[in-house]
Amino acid sequence: MCVCVTNGDDVSLQDPPQPQIDQVMPSNPSDCAVKDGGIQISASGGSGSYHYSINGIDWQSSPVFSGLGSGSYPALVRNSDGTCRVQQRLDSSFRTEFPIITFINPKIQRIVEHKMVP
């Protein structure tokens, strides 16, 4: 519903309040190629209840998304009537970190063409 403000003969129409994304809480997958990550979106403002999405196509009433693999996901919120869509990208890439090699023992055999050689 729009709010009307009159000023003499002019009438101004104003948009309804938009929802605001307060926080996006990611939970990274436990390992490479594992789809057990999740995202929870916290929102306020707007009018009524909200719908949430992480792809802009599929919307749900729950702010919790689970079963996610590594990747980058937008956090989207809209009023439950489909109006006033807002979006926030996660600040960092949503991915599993690879281990960092900090020491190599020169006495260990080297690998050539996937075969161990002395």
PDB file of N, CA and C in Angstrom:
ATOM      1  N   MET A   1       0.837  -1.176   0.000  1.00  0.00           N
ATOM      2  CA  MET A   1       0.000   0.000   0.000  1.00  0.00           C
ATOM      3  C   MET A   1       0.880   1.236   0.000  1.00  0.00           C
ATOM      4  N   CYS A   2       0.623   2.179  -0.859  1.00  0.00           N
ATOM      5  CA  CYS A   2       1.403   3.410  -0.949  1.00  0.00           C
ATOM      6  C   CYS A   2       0.832   4.461  -0.014  1.00  0.00           C
ATOM      7  N   VAL A   3       1.729   5.276   0.509  1.00  0.00           N
ATOM      8  CA  VAL A   3       1.333   6.392   1.363  1.00  0.00           C
ATOM      9  C   VAL A   3       1.232   7.620   0.481  1.00  0.00           C
ATOM     10  N   CYS A   4       0.127   8.331   0.578  1.00  0.00           N
ATOM     11  CA  CYS A   4      -0.074   9.540  -0.230  1.00  0.00           C
ATOM     12  C   CYS A   4       0.155  10.768   0.641  1.00  0.00           C
ATOM     13  N   VAL A   5       0.916  11.736   0.112  1.00  0.00           N
ATOM     14  CA  VAL A   5       1.171  12.996   0.802  1.00  0.00           C
ATOM     15  C   VAL A   5       0.718  14.113  -0.125  1.00  0.00           C
ATOM     16  N   THR A   6      -0.165  14.967   0.370  1.00  0.00           N
ATOM     17  CA  THR A   6      -0.640  16.072  -0.462  1.00  0.00           C
ATOM     18  C   THR A   6       0.097  17.346  -0.095  1.00  0.00           C
ATOM     19  N   ASN A   7       0.348  18.166  -1.111  1.00  0.00           N
ATOM     20  CA  ASN A   7       1.039  19.435  -0.927  1.00  0.00           C
ATOM     21  C   ASN A   7       0.372  20.416  -1.886  1.00  0.00           C
ATOM     22  N   GLY A   8      -0.656  21.073  -1.419  1.00  0.00           N
ATOM     23  CA  GLY A   8      -1.427  21.942  -2.305  1.00  0.00           C
ATOM     24  C   GLY A   8      -2.183  21.088  -3.310  1.00  0.00           C
ATOM     25  N   ASP A   9      -1.961  21.317  -4.622  1.00  0.00           N
ATOM     26  CA  ASP A   9      -2.625  20.550  -5.667  1.00  0.00           C
ATOM     27  C   ASP A   9      -1.860  19.278  -6.048  1.00  0.00           C
ATOM     28  N   ASP A  10      -0.572  19.176  -5.617  1.00  0.00           N
ATOM     29  CA  ASP A  10       0.234  18.020  -5.975  1.00  0.00           C
ATOM     30  C   ASP A  10       0.009  16.864  -5.001  1.00  0.00           C
ATOM     31  N   VAL A  11       0.059  15.684  -5.523  1.00  0.00           N
ATOM     32  CA  VAL A  11      -0.043  14.485  -4.698  1.00  0.00           C
ATOM     33  C   VAL A  11       1.213  13.648  -4.929  1.00  0.00           C
ATOM     34  N   SER A  12       1.904  13.277  -3.864  1.00  0.00           N
ATOM     35  CA  SER A  12       3.106  12.445  -3.954  1.00  0.00           C
ATOM     36  C   SER A  12       2.790  11.041  -3.477  1.00  0.00           C
ATOM     37  N   LEU A  13       3.258  10.079  -4.235  1.00  0.00           N
ATOM     38  CA  LEU A  13       3.106   8.689  -3.843  1.00  0.00           C
ATOM     39  C   LEU A  13       4.472   8.166  -3.400  1.00  0.00           C
ATOM     40  N   GLN A  14       4.493   7.436  -2.289  1.00  0.00           N
ATOM     41  CA  GLN A  14       5.743   6.923  -1.756  1.00  0.00           C
ATOM     42  C   GLN A  14       5.706   5.407  -1.692  1.00  0.00           C
ATOM     43  N   ASP A  15       6.847   4.803  -1.968  1.00  0.00           N
ATOM     44  CA  ASP A  15       6.952   3.348  -1.882  1.00  0.00           C
ATOM     45  C   ASP A  15       6.733   2.877  -0.449  1.00  0.00           C
ATOM     46  N   PRO A  16       6.243   1.638  -0.295  1.00  0.00           N
ATOM     47  CA  PRO A  16       6.156   1.069   1.045  1.00  0.00           C
ATOM     48  C   PRO A  16       7.569   0.834   1.578  1.00  0.00           C
ATOM     49  N   PRO A  17       7.725   0.652   2.879  1.00  0.00           N
ATOM     50  CA  PRO A  17       9.067   0.429   3.431  1.00  0.00           C
ATOM     51  C   PRO A  17       9.688  -0.855   2.896  1.00  0.00           C
ATOM     52  N   GLN A  18      10.978  -0.778   2.551  1.00  0.00           N
ATOM     53  CA  GLN A  18      11.693  -1.951   2.064  1.00  0.00           C
ATOM     54  C   GLN A  18      12.252  -2.754   3.234  1.00  0.00           C
ATOM     55  N   PRO A  19      12.351  -4.068   3.045  1.00  0.00           N
ATOM     56  CA  PRO A  19      13.062  -4.839   4.063  1.00  0.00           C
ATOM     57  C   PRO A  19      14.555  -4.499   4.006  1.00  0.00           C
ATOM     58  N   GLN A  20      15.240  -4.775   5.066  1.00  0.00           N
ATOM     59  CA  GLN A  20      16.679  -4.527   5.145  1.00  0.00           C
ATOM     60  C   GLN A  20      17.356  -5.805   5.614  1.00  0.00           C
ATOM     61  N   ILE A  21      18.426  -6.190   4.938  1.00  0.00           N
ATOM     62  CA  ILE A  21      19.192  -7.362   5.362  1.00  0.00           C
ATOM     63  C   ILE A  21      20.128  -6.922   6.471  1.00  0.00           C
ATOM     64  N   ASP A  22      19.912  -7.458   7.665  1.00  0.00           N
ATOM     65  CA  ASP A  22      20.716  -7.085   8.824  1.00  0.00           C
ATOM     66  C   ASP A  22      22.003  -7.888   8.918  1.00  0.00           C
ATOM     67  N   GLN A  23      21.904  -9.180   8.618  1.00  0.00           N
ATOM     68  CA  GLN A  23      23.067 -10.050   8.768  1.00  0.00           C
ATOM     69  C   GLN A  23      22.933 -11.277   7.879  1.00  0.00           C
ATOM     70  N   VAL A  24      24.052 -11.722   7.316  1.00  0.00           N
ATOM     71  CA  VAL A  24      24.111 -12.968   6.557  1.00  0.00           C
ATOM     72  C   VAL A  24      25.164 -13.834   7.236  1.00  0.00           C
ATOM     73  N   MET A  25      24.739 -14.999   7.727  1.00  0.00           N
ATOM     74  CA  MET A  25      25.642 -15.868   8.483  1.00  0.00           C
ATOM     75  C   MET A  25      25.928 -17.147   7.698  1.00  0.00           C
ATOM     76  N   PRO A  26      27.122 -17.236   7.070  1.00  0.00           N
ATOM     77  CA  PRO A  26      27.465 -18.449   6.325  1.00  0.00           C
ATOM     78  C   PRO A  26      28.086 -19.505   7.226  1.00  0.00           C
ATOM     79  N   SER A  27      27.916 -20.744   6.841  1.00  0.00           N
ATOM     80  CA  SER A  27      28.567 -21.892   7.483  1.00  0.00           C
ATOM     81  C   SER A  27      29.212 -22.677   6.355  1.00  0.00           C
ATOM     82  N   ASN A  28      30.544 -22.638   6.270  1.00  0.00           N
ATOM     83  CA  ASN A  28      31.266 -23.259   5.162  1.00  0.00           C
ATOM     84  C   ASN A  28      31.111 -24.774   5.149  1.00  0.00           C
ATOM     85  N   PRO A  29      31.188 -25.393   3.973  1.00  0.00           N
ATOM     86  CA  PRO A  29      31.164 -26.850   3.889  1.00  0.00           C
ATOM     87  C   PRO A  29      32.330 -27.451   4.672  1.00  0.00           C
ATOM     88  N   SER A  30      32.169 -28.666   5.145  1.00  0.00           N
ATOM     89  CA  SER A  30      33.183 -29.310   5.978  1.00  0.00           C
ATOM     90  C   SER A  30      34.400 -29.771   5.186  1.00  0.00           C
ATOM     91  N   ASP A  31      34.261 -29.981   3.881  1.00  0.00           N
ATOM     92  CA  ASP A  31      35.385 -30.456   3.079  1.00  0.00           C
ATOM     93  C   ASP A  31      35.118 -30.150   1.606  1.00  0.00           C
ATOM     94  N   CYS A  32      36.135 -30.363   0.782  1.00  0.00           N
ATOM     95  CA  CYS A  32      36.002 -30.135  -0.658  1.00  0.00           C
ATOM     96  C   CYS A  32      34.932 -31.056  -1.237  1.00  0.00           C
ATOM     97  N   ALA A  33      34.130 -30.551  -2.148  1.00  0.00           N
ATOM     98  CA  ALA A  33      33.089 -31.301  -2.857  1.00  0.00           C
ATOM     99  C   ALA A  33      32.005 -31.870  -1.936  1.00  0.00           C
ATOM    100  N   VAL A  34      31.901 -31.351  -0.701  1.00  0.00           N
ATOM    101  CA  VAL A  34      30.853 -31.783   0.230  1.00  0.00           C
ATOM    102  C   VAL A  34      29.801 -30.678   0.295  1.00  0.00           C
ATOM    103  N   LYS A  35      28.542 -31.050   0.197  1.00  0.00           N
ATOM    104  CA  LYS A  35      27.451 -30.070   0.212  1.00  0.00           C
ATOM    105  C   LYS A  35      26.744 -30.096   1.565  1.00  0.00           C
ATOM    106  N   ASP A  36      27.453 -29.603   2.588  1.00  0.00           N
ATOM    107  CA  ASP A  36      26.849 -29.509   3.914  1.00  0.00           C
ATOM    108  C   ASP A  36      26.994 -28.112   4.509  1.00  0.00           C
ATOM    109  N   GLY A  37      27.222 -27.110   3.640  1.00  0.00           N
ATOM    110  CA  GLY A  37      27.293 -25.723   4.089  1.00  0.00           C
ATOM    111  C   GLY A  37      25.905 -25.127   4.234  1.00  0.00           C
ATOM    112  N   GLY A  38      25.840 -23.930   4.784  1.00  0.00           N
ATOM    113  CA  GLY A  38      24.544 -23.289   4.967  1.00  0.00           C
ATOM    114  C   GLY A  38      24.656 -21.781   5.039  1.00  0.00           C
ATOM    115  N   ILE A  39      23.528 -21.126   4.892  1.00  0.00           N
ATOM    116  CA  ILE A  39      23.428 -19.674   5.002  1.00  0.00           C
ATOM    117  C   ILE A  39      22.151 -19.355   5.778  1.00  0.00           C
ATOM    118  N   GLN A  40      22.255 -18.406   6.717  1.00  0.00           N
ATOM    119  CA  GLN A  40      21.077 -17.914   7.425  1.00  0.00           C
ATOM    120  C   GLN A  40      21.034 -16.400   7.245  1.00  0.00           C
ATOM    121  N   ILE A  41      19.869 -15.887   6.839  1.00  0.00           N
ATOM    122  CA  ILE A  41      19.697 -14.462   6.564  1.00  0.00           C
ATOM    123  C   ILE A  41      18.798 -13.848   7.640  1.00  0.00           C
ATOM    124  N   SER A  42      19.220 -12.724   8.181  1.00  0.00           N
ATOM    125  CA  SER A  42      18.426 -12.000   9.167  1.00  0.00           C
ATOM    126  C   SER A  42      17.991 -10.673   8.542  1.00  0.00           C
ATOM    127  N   ALA A  43      16.684 -10.366   8.622  1.00  0.00           N
ATOM    128  CA  ALA A  43      16.151  -9.147   7.991  1.00  0.00           C
ATOM    129  C   ALA A  43      15.192  -8.424   8.929  1.00  0.00           C
ATOM    130  N   SER A  44      14.983  -7.143   8.645  1.00  0.00           N
ATOM    131  CA  SER A  44      14.021  -6.345   9.411  1.00  0.00           C
ATOM    132  C   SER A  44      13.403  -5.302   8.473  1.00  0.00           C
ATOM    133  N   GLY A  45      12.450  -4.546   8.993  1.00  0.00           N
ATOM    134  CA  GLY A  45      11.787  -3.501   8.197  1.00  0.00           C
ATOM    135  C   GLY A  45      10.760  -4.097   7.260  1.00  0.00           C
ATOM    136  N   GLY A  46      10.492  -3.403   6.187  1.00  0.00           N
ATOM    137  CA  GLY A  46       9.519  -3.893   5.217  1.00  0.00           C
ATOM    138  C   GLY A  46       8.114  -3.901   5.771  1.00  0.00           C
ATOM    139  N   SER A  47       7.260  -4.674   5.139  1.00  0.00           N
ATOM    140  CA  SER A  47       5.881  -4.785   5.602  1.00  0.00           C
ATOM    141  C   SER A  47       5.487  -6.254   5.642  1.00  0.00           C
ATOM    142  N   GLY A  48       5.044  -6.700   6.776  1.00  0.00           N
ATOM    143  CA  GLY A  48       4.626  -8.095   6.926  1.00  0.00           C
ATOM    144  C   GLY A  48       5.808  -9.040   7.052  1.00  0.00           C
ATOM    145  N   SER A  49       5.611 -10.262   6.605  1.00  0.00           N
ATOM    146  CA  SER A  49       6.677 -11.262   6.678  1.00  0.00           C
ATOM    147  C   SER A  49       7.518 -11.214   5.404  1.00  0.00           C
ATOM    148  N   TYR A  50       8.559 -12.058   5.352  1.00  0.00           N
ATOM    149  CA  TYR A  50       9.513 -12.007   4.245  1.00  0.00           C
ATOM    150  C   TYR A  50       9.592 -13.328   3.503  1.00  0.00           C
ATOM    151  N   HIS A  51      10.123 -13.247   2.293  1.00  0.00           N
ATOM    152  CA  HIS A  51      10.562 -14.407   1.526  1.00  0.00           C
ATOM    153  C   HIS A  51      12.060 -14.243   1.310  1.00  0.00           C
ATOM    154  N   TYR A  52      12.778 -15.371   1.273  1.00  0.00           N
ATOM    155  CA  TYR A  52      14.236 -15.369   1.167  1.00  0.00           C
ATOM    156  C   TYR A  52      14.660 -16.209  -0.033  1.00  0.00           C
ATOM    157  N   SER A  53      15.793 -15.820  -0.643  1.00  0.00           N
ATOM    158  CA  SER A  53      16.313 -16.566  -1.784  1.00  0.00           C
ATOM    159  C   SER A  53      17.833 -16.437  -1.810  1.00  0.00           C
ATOM    160  N   ILE A  54      18.497 -17.436  -2.405  1.00  0.00           N
ATOM    161  CA  ILE A  54      19.942 -17.337  -2.633  1.00  0.00           C
ATOM    162  C   ILE A  54      20.271 -17.481  -4.116  1.00  0.00           C
ATOM    163  N   ASN A  55      19.218 -17.408  -4.950  1.00  0.00           N
ATOM    164  CA  ASN A  55      19.471 -17.440  -6.402  1.00  0.00           C
ATOM    165  C   ASN A  55      18.542 -16.497  -7.178  1.00  0.00           C
ATOM    166  N   GLY A  56      17.595 -15.844  -6.517  1.00  0.00           N
ATOM    167  CA  GLY A  56      16.689 -14.916  -7.179  1.00  0.00           C
ATOM    168  C   GLY A  56      15.538 -15.569  -7.917  1.00  0.00           C
ATOM    169  N   ILE A  57      15.486 -16.900  -7.922  1.00  0.00           N
ATOM    170  CA  ILE A  57      14.425 -17.631  -8.612  1.00  0.00           C
ATOM    171  C   ILE A  57      13.530 -18.367  -7.615  1.00  0.00           C
ATOM    172  N   ASP A  58      14.169 -19.147  -6.761  1.00  0.00           N
ATOM    173  CA  ASP A  58      13.442 -19.944  -5.763  1.00  0.00           C
ATOM    174  C   ASP A  58      13.362 -19.162  -4.449  1.00  0.00           C
ATOM    175  N   TRP A  59      12.141 -18.924  -3.990  1.00  0.00           N
ATOM    176  CA  TRP A  59      11.906 -18.157  -2.765  1.00  0.00           C
ATOM    177  C   TRP A  59      11.274 -19.057  -1.712  1.00  0.00           C
ATOM    178  N   GLN A  60      11.587 -18.806  -0.441  1.00  0.00           N
ATOM    179  CA  GLN A  60      11.024 -19.592   0.653  1.00  0.00           C
ATOM    180  C   GLN A  60      10.783 -18.689   1.859  1.00  0.00           C
ATOM    181  N   SER A  61       9.913 -19.138   2.750  1.00  0.00           N
ATOM    182  CA  SER A  61       9.608 -18.335   3.937  1.00  0.00           C
ATOM    183  C   SER A  61      10.649 -18.507   5.043  1.00  0.00           C
ATOM    184  N   SER A  62      11.450 -19.556   4.982  1.00  0.00           N
ATOM    185  CA  SER A  62      12.494 -19.780   5.982  1.00  0.00           C
ATOM    186  C   SER A  62      13.766 -19.025   5.611  1.00  0.00           C
ATOM    187  N   PRO A  63      14.431 -18.387   6.594  1.00  0.00           N
ATOM    188  CA  PRO A  63      15.679 -17.674   6.312  1.00  0.00           C
ATOM    189  C   PRO A  63      16.908 -18.588   6.304  1.00  0.00           C
ATOM    190  N   VAL A  64      16.702 -19.893   6.445  1.00  0.00           N
ATOM    191  CA  VAL A  64      17.813 -20.847   6.555  1.00  0.00           C
ATOM    192  C   VAL A  64      17.927 -21.673   5.277  1.00  0.00           C
ATOM    193  N   PHE A  65      19.149 -21.738   4.721  1.00  0.00           N
ATOM    194  CA  PHE A  65      19.446 -22.542   3.537  1.00  0.00           C
ATOM    195  C   PHE A  65      20.529 -23.538   3.924  1.00  0.00           C
ATOM    196  N   SER A  66      20.322 -24.801   3.592  1.00  0.00           N
ATOM    197  CA  SER A  66      21.295 -25.837   3.956  1.00  0.00           C
ATOM    198  C   SER A  66      21.589 -26.714   2.743  1.00  0.00           C
ATOM    199  N   GLY A  67      22.564 -27.613   2.905  1.00  0.00           N
ATOM    200  CA  GLY A  67      22.934 -28.511   1.820  1.00  0.00           C
ATOM    201  C   GLY A  67      23.668 -27.805   0.692  1.00  0.00           C
ATOM    202  N   LEU A  68      24.445 -26.774   1.029  1.00  0.00           N
ATOM    203  CA  LEU A  68      25.123 -25.974   0.014  1.00  0.00           C
ATOM    204  C   LEU A  68      26.582 -26.372  -0.136  1.00  0.00           C
ATOM    205  N   GLY A  69      27.037 -26.377  -1.377  1.00  0.00           N
ATOM    206  CA  GLY A  69      28.439 -26.604  -1.680  1.00  0.00           C
ATOM    207  C   GLY A  69      29.176 -25.280  -1.737  1.00  0.00           C
ATOM    208  N   SER A  70      30.477 -25.352  -1.984  1.00  0.00           N
ATOM    209  CA  SER A  70      31.259 -24.117  -2.071  1.00  0.00           C
ATOM    210  C   SER A  70      30.782 -23.298  -3.269  1.00  0.00           C
ATOM    211  N   GLY A  71      30.913 -22.002  -3.182  1.00  0.00           N
ATOM    212  CA  GLY A  71      30.474 -21.104  -4.243  1.00  0.00           C
ATOM    213  C   GLY A  71      30.110 -19.756  -3.682  1.00  0.00           C
ATOM    214  N   SER A  72      29.632 -18.878  -4.510  1.00  0.00           N
ATOM    215  CA  SER A  72      29.221 -17.539  -4.113  1.00  0.00           C
ATOM    216  C   SER A  72      27.708 -17.436  -4.279  1.00  0.00           C
ATOM    217  N   TYR A  73      27.024 -16.979  -3.244  1.00  0.00           N
ATOM    218  CA  TYR A  73      25.565 -16.913  -3.246  1.00  0.00           C
ATOM    219  C   TYR A  73      25.107 -15.502  -2.870  1.00  0.00           C
ATOM    220  N   PRO A  74      24.161 -14.926  -3.612  1.00  0.00           N
ATOM    221  CA  PRO A  74      23.588 -13.647  -3.187  1.00  0.00           C
ATOM    222  C   PRO A  74      22.522 -13.907  -2.123  1.00  0.00           C
ATOM    223  N   ALA A  75      22.420 -13.024  -1.153  1.00  0.00           N
ATOM    224  CA  ALA A  75      21.353 -13.101  -0.151  1.00  0.00           C
ATOM    225  C   ALA A  75      20.265 -12.126  -0.580  1.00  0.00           C
ATOM    226  N   LEU A  76      19.034 -12.632  -0.807  1.00  0.00           N
ATOM    227  CA  LEU A  76      17.927 -11.791  -1.257  1.00  0.00           C
ATOM    228  C   LEU A  76      16.759 -11.900  -0.287  1.00  0.00           C
ATOM    229  N   VAL A  77      16.098 -10.775  -0.065  1.00  0.00           N
ATOM    230  CA  VAL A  77      14.911 -10.716   0.794  1.00  0.00           C
ATOM    231  C   VAL A  77      13.889  -9.827   0.099  1.00  0.00           C
ATOM    232  N   ARG A  78      12.629 -10.213   0.219  1.00  0.00           N
ATOM    233  CA  ARG A  78      11.534  -9.380  -0.294  1.00  0.00           C
ATOM    234  C   ARG A  78      10.353  -9.522   0.657  1.00  0.00           C
ATOM    235  N   ASN A  79       9.415  -8.574   0.561  1.00  0.00           N
ATOM    236  CA  ASN A  79       8.170  -8.702   1.318  1.00  0.00           C
ATOM    237  C   ASN A  79       7.444  -9.958   0.826  1.00  0.00           C
ATOM    238  N   SER A  80       6.665 -10.570   1.674  1.00  0.00           N
ATOM    239  CA  SER A  80       6.003 -11.826   1.303  1.00  0.00           C
ATOM    240  C   SER A  80       5.036 -11.670   0.132  1.00  0.00           C
ATOM    241  N   ASP A  81       4.607 -10.438  -0.156  1.00  0.00           N
ATOM    242  CA  ASP A  81       3.731 -10.226  -1.315  1.00  0.00           C
ATOM    243  C   ASP A  81       4.528 -10.078  -2.615  1.00  0.00           C
ATOM    244  N   GLY A  82       5.861 -10.255  -2.541  1.00  0.00           N
ATOM    245  CA  GLY A  82       6.705 -10.208  -3.729  1.00  0.00           C
ATOM    246  C   GLY A  82       7.277  -8.837  -4.060  1.00  0.00           C
ATOM    247  N   THR A  83       6.991  -7.830  -3.244  1.00  0.00           N
ATOM    248  CA  THR A  83       7.470  -6.474  -3.522  1.00  0.00           C
ATOM    249  C   THR A  83       8.763  -6.162  -2.772  1.00  0.00           C
ATOM    250  N   CYS A  84       9.424  -5.125  -3.208  1.00  0.00           N
ATOM    251  CA  CYS A  84      10.574  -4.538  -2.517  1.00  0.00           C
ATOM    252  C   CYS A  84      11.724  -5.514  -2.296  1.00  0.00           C
ATOM    253  N   ARG A  85      12.205  -6.081  -3.373  1.00  0.00           N
ATOM    254  CA  ARG A  85      13.327  -7.026  -3.307  1.00  0.00           C
ATOM    255  C   ARG A  85      14.638  -6.293  -3.025  1.00  0.00           C
ATOM    256  N   VAL A  86      15.423  -6.794  -2.077  1.00  0.00           N
ATOM    257  CA  VAL A  86      16.749  -6.245  -1.771  1.00  0.00           C
ATOM    258  C   VAL A  86      17.765  -7.391  -1.817  1.00  0.00           C
ATOM    259  N   GLN A  87      19.017  -7.036  -2.123  1.00  0.00           N
ATOM    260  CA  GLN A  87      20.049  -8.059  -2.291  1.00  0.00           C
ATOM    261  C   GLN A  87      21.336  -7.637  -1.601  1.00  0.00           C
ATOM    262  N   GLN A  88      22.043  -8.619  -1.081  1.00  0.00           N
ATOM    263  CA  GLN A  88      23.364  -8.395  -0.505  1.00  0.00           C
ATOM    264  C   GLN A  88      24.244  -9.578  -0.874  1.00  0.00           C
ATOM    265  N   ARG A  89      25.421  -9.315  -1.398  1.00  0.00           N
ATOM    266  CA  ARG A  89      26.379 -10.377  -1.705  1.00  0.00           C
ATOM    267  C   ARG A  89      27.187 -10.663  -0.457  1.00  0.00           C
ATOM    268  N   LEU A  90      27.557 -11.930  -0.283  1.00  0.00           N
ATOM    269  CA  LEU A  90      28.457 -12.266   0.816  1.00  0.00           C
ATOM    270  C   LEU A  90      29.789 -11.592   0.561  1.00  0.00           C
ATOM    271  N   ASP A  91      30.410 -11.066   1.601  1.00  0.00           N
ATOM    272  CA  ASP A  91      31.662 -10.325   1.456  1.00  0.00           C
ATOM    273  C   ASP A  91      32.800 -11.195   0.937  1.00  0.00           C
ATOM    274  N   SER A  92      32.895 -12.421   1.412  1.00  0.00           N
ATOM    275  CA  SER A  92      33.971 -13.287   0.953  1.00  0.00           C
ATOM    276  C   SER A  92      33.362 -14.483   0.236  1.00  0.00           C
ATOM    277  N   SER A  93      34.162 -15.089  -0.600  1.00  0.00           N
ATOM    278  CA  SER A  93      33.687 -16.255  -1.336  1.00  0.00           C
ATOM    279  C   SER A  93      33.361 -17.370  -0.361  1.00  0.00           C
ATOM    280  N   PHE A  94      32.262 -18.004  -0.564  1.00  0.00           N
ATOM    281  CA  PHE A  94      31.767 -19.079   0.294  1.00  0.00           C
ATOM    282  C   PHE A  94      32.392 -20.375  -0.194  1.00  0.00           C
ATOM    283  N   ARG A  95      33.508 -20.772   0.396  1.00  0.00           N
ATOM    284  CA  ARG A  95      34.230 -21.929  -0.112  1.00  0.00           C
ATOM    285  C   ARG A  95      35.017 -22.599   1.003  1.00  0.00           C
ATOM    286  N   THR A  96      35.415 -23.796   0.731  1.00  0.00           N
ATOM    287  CA  THR A  96      36.269 -24.528   1.642  1.00  0.00           C
ATOM    288  C   THR A  96      37.715 -24.153   1.345  1.00  0.00           C
ATOM    289  N   GLU A  97      38.489 -23.859   2.376  1.00  0.00           N
ATOM    290  CA  GLU A  97      39.886 -23.504   2.189  1.00  0.00           C
ATOM    291  C   GLU A  97      40.716 -24.762   1.978  1.00  0.00           C
ATOM    292  N   PHE A  98      41.699 -24.666   1.106  1.00  0.00           N
ATOM    293  CA  PHE A  98      42.617 -25.766   0.881  1.00  0.00           C
ATOM    294  C   PHE A  98      43.736 -25.686   1.909  1.00  0.00           C
ATOM    295  N   PRO A  99      44.306 -26.832   2.324  1.00  0.00           N
ATOM    296  CA  PRO A  99      45.405 -26.786   3.282  1.00  0.00           C
ATOM    297  C   PRO A  99      46.632 -26.113   2.661  1.00  0.00           C
ATOM    298  N   ILE A 100      47.415 -25.466   3.497  1.00  0.00           N
ATOM    299  CA  ILE A 100      48.639 -24.811   3.043  1.00  0.00           C
ATOM    300  C   ILE A 100      49.818 -25.689   3.445  1.00  0.00           C
ATOM    301  N   ILE A 101      50.686 -26.016   2.479  1.00  0.00           N
ATOM    302  CA  ILE A 101      51.860 -26.832   2.756  1.00  0.00           C
ATOM    303  C   ILE A 101      52.918 -25.926   3.372  1.00  0.00           C
ATOM    304  N   THR A 102      53.333 -26.265   4.589  1.00  0.00           N
ATOM    305  CA  THR A 102      54.316 -25.425   5.279  1.00  0.00           C
ATOM    306  C   THR A 102      55.682 -26.092   5.387  1.00  0.00           C
ATOM    307  N   PHE A 103      55.779 -27.402   5.077  1.00  0.00           N
ATOM    308  CA  PHE A 103      57.049 -28.098   5.175  1.00  0.00           C
ATOM    309  C   PHE A 103      57.073 -29.245   4.180  1.00  0.00           C
ATOM    310  N   ILE A 104      58.193 -29.397   3.477  1.00  0.00           N
ATOM    311  CA  ILE A 104      58.386 -30.521   2.568  1.00  0.00           C
ATOM    312  C   ILE A 104      59.659 -31.232   2.995  1.00  0.00           C
ATOM    313  N   ASN A 105      59.555 -32.523   3.267  1.00  0.00           N
ATOM    314  CA  ASN A 105      60.708 -33.324   3.680  1.00  0.00           C
ATOM    315  C   ASN A 105      61.435 -33.801   2.423  1.00  0.00           C
ATOM    316  N   PRO A 106      62.691 -33.383   2.217  1.00  0.00           N
ATOM    317  CA  PRO A 106      63.413 -33.778   1.005  1.00  0.00           C
ATOM    318  C   PRO A 106      63.767 -35.264   0.969  1.00  0.00           C
ATOM    319  N   LYS A 107      63.642 -35.979   2.071  1.00  0.00           N
ATOM    320  CA  LYS A 107      63.970 -37.403   2.103  1.00  0.00           C
ATOM    321  C   LYS A 107      62.820 -38.271   1.603  1.00  0.00           C
ATOM    322  N   ILE A 108      61.644 -37.677   1.421  1.00  0.00           N
ATOM    323  CA  ILE A 108      60.488 -38.436   0.936  1.00  0.00           C
ATOM    324  C   ILE A 108      60.628 -38.655  -0.563  1.00  0.00           C
ATOM    325  N   GLN A 109      60.166 -39.814  -1.034  1.00  0.00           N
ATOM    326  CA  GLN A 109      60.251 -40.133  -2.456  1.00  0.00           C
ATOM    327  C   GLN A 109      59.490 -39.102  -3.283  1.00  0.00           C
ATOM    328  N   ARG A 110      59.956 -38.865  -4.491  1.00  0.00           N
ATOM    329  CA  ARG A 110      59.262 -37.938  -5.368  1.00  0.00           C
ATOM    330  C   ARG A 110      58.249 -38.694  -6.225  1.00  0.00           C
ATOM    331  N   ILE A 111      57.255 -38.005  -6.736  1.00  0.00           N
ATOM    332  CA  ILE A 111      56.202 -38.606  -7.554  1.00  0.00           C
ATOM    333  C   ILE A 111      56.415 -38.180  -9.000  1.00  0.00           C
ATOM    334  N   VAL A 112      56.461 -39.154  -9.905  1.00  0.00           N
ATOM    335  CA  VAL A 112      56.590 -38.873 -11.336  1.00  0.00           C
ATOM    336  C   VAL A 112      55.480 -39.628 -12.044  1.00  0.00           C
ATOM    337  N   GLU A 113      54.671 -38.918 -12.787  1.00  0.00           N
ATOM    338  CA  GLU A 113      53.554 -39.509 -13.534  1.00  0.00           C
ATOM    339  C   GLU A 113      52.698 -40.440 -12.662  1.00  0.00           C
ATOM    340  N   HIS A 114      52.411 -40.015 -11.481  1.00  0.00           N
ATOM    341  CA  HIS A 114      51.554 -40.733 -10.547  1.00  0.00           C
ATOM    342  C   HIS A 114      52.117 -42.071 -10.107  1.00  0.00           C
ATOM    343  N   LYS A 115      53.425 -42.301 -10.275  1.00  0.00           N
ATOM    344  CA  LYS A 115      54.081 -43.524  -9.797  1.00  0.00           C
ATOM    345  C   LYS A 115      55.192 -43.136  -8.845  1.00  0.00           C
ATOM    346  N   MET A 116      55.308 -43.875  -7.787  1.00  0.00           N
ATOM    347  CA  MET A 116      56.371 -43.605  -6.829  1.00  0.00           C
ATOM    348  C   MET A 116      57.707 -44.111  -7.374  1.00  0.00           C
ATOM    349  N   VAL A 117      58.724 -43.272  -7.304  1.00  0.00           N
ATOM    350  CA  VAL A 117      60.073 -43.683  -7.729  1.00  0.00           C
ATOM    351  C   VAL A 117      61.052 -43.319  -6.625  1.00  0.00           C
ATOM    352  N   PRO A 118      62.132 -44.089  -6.454  1.00  0.00           N
ATOM    353  CA  PRO A 118      63.087 -43.779  -5.376  1.00  0.00           C
ATOM    354  C   PRO A 118      63.894 -42.539  -5.674  1.00  0.00           C
TER     355      PRO A 118
END
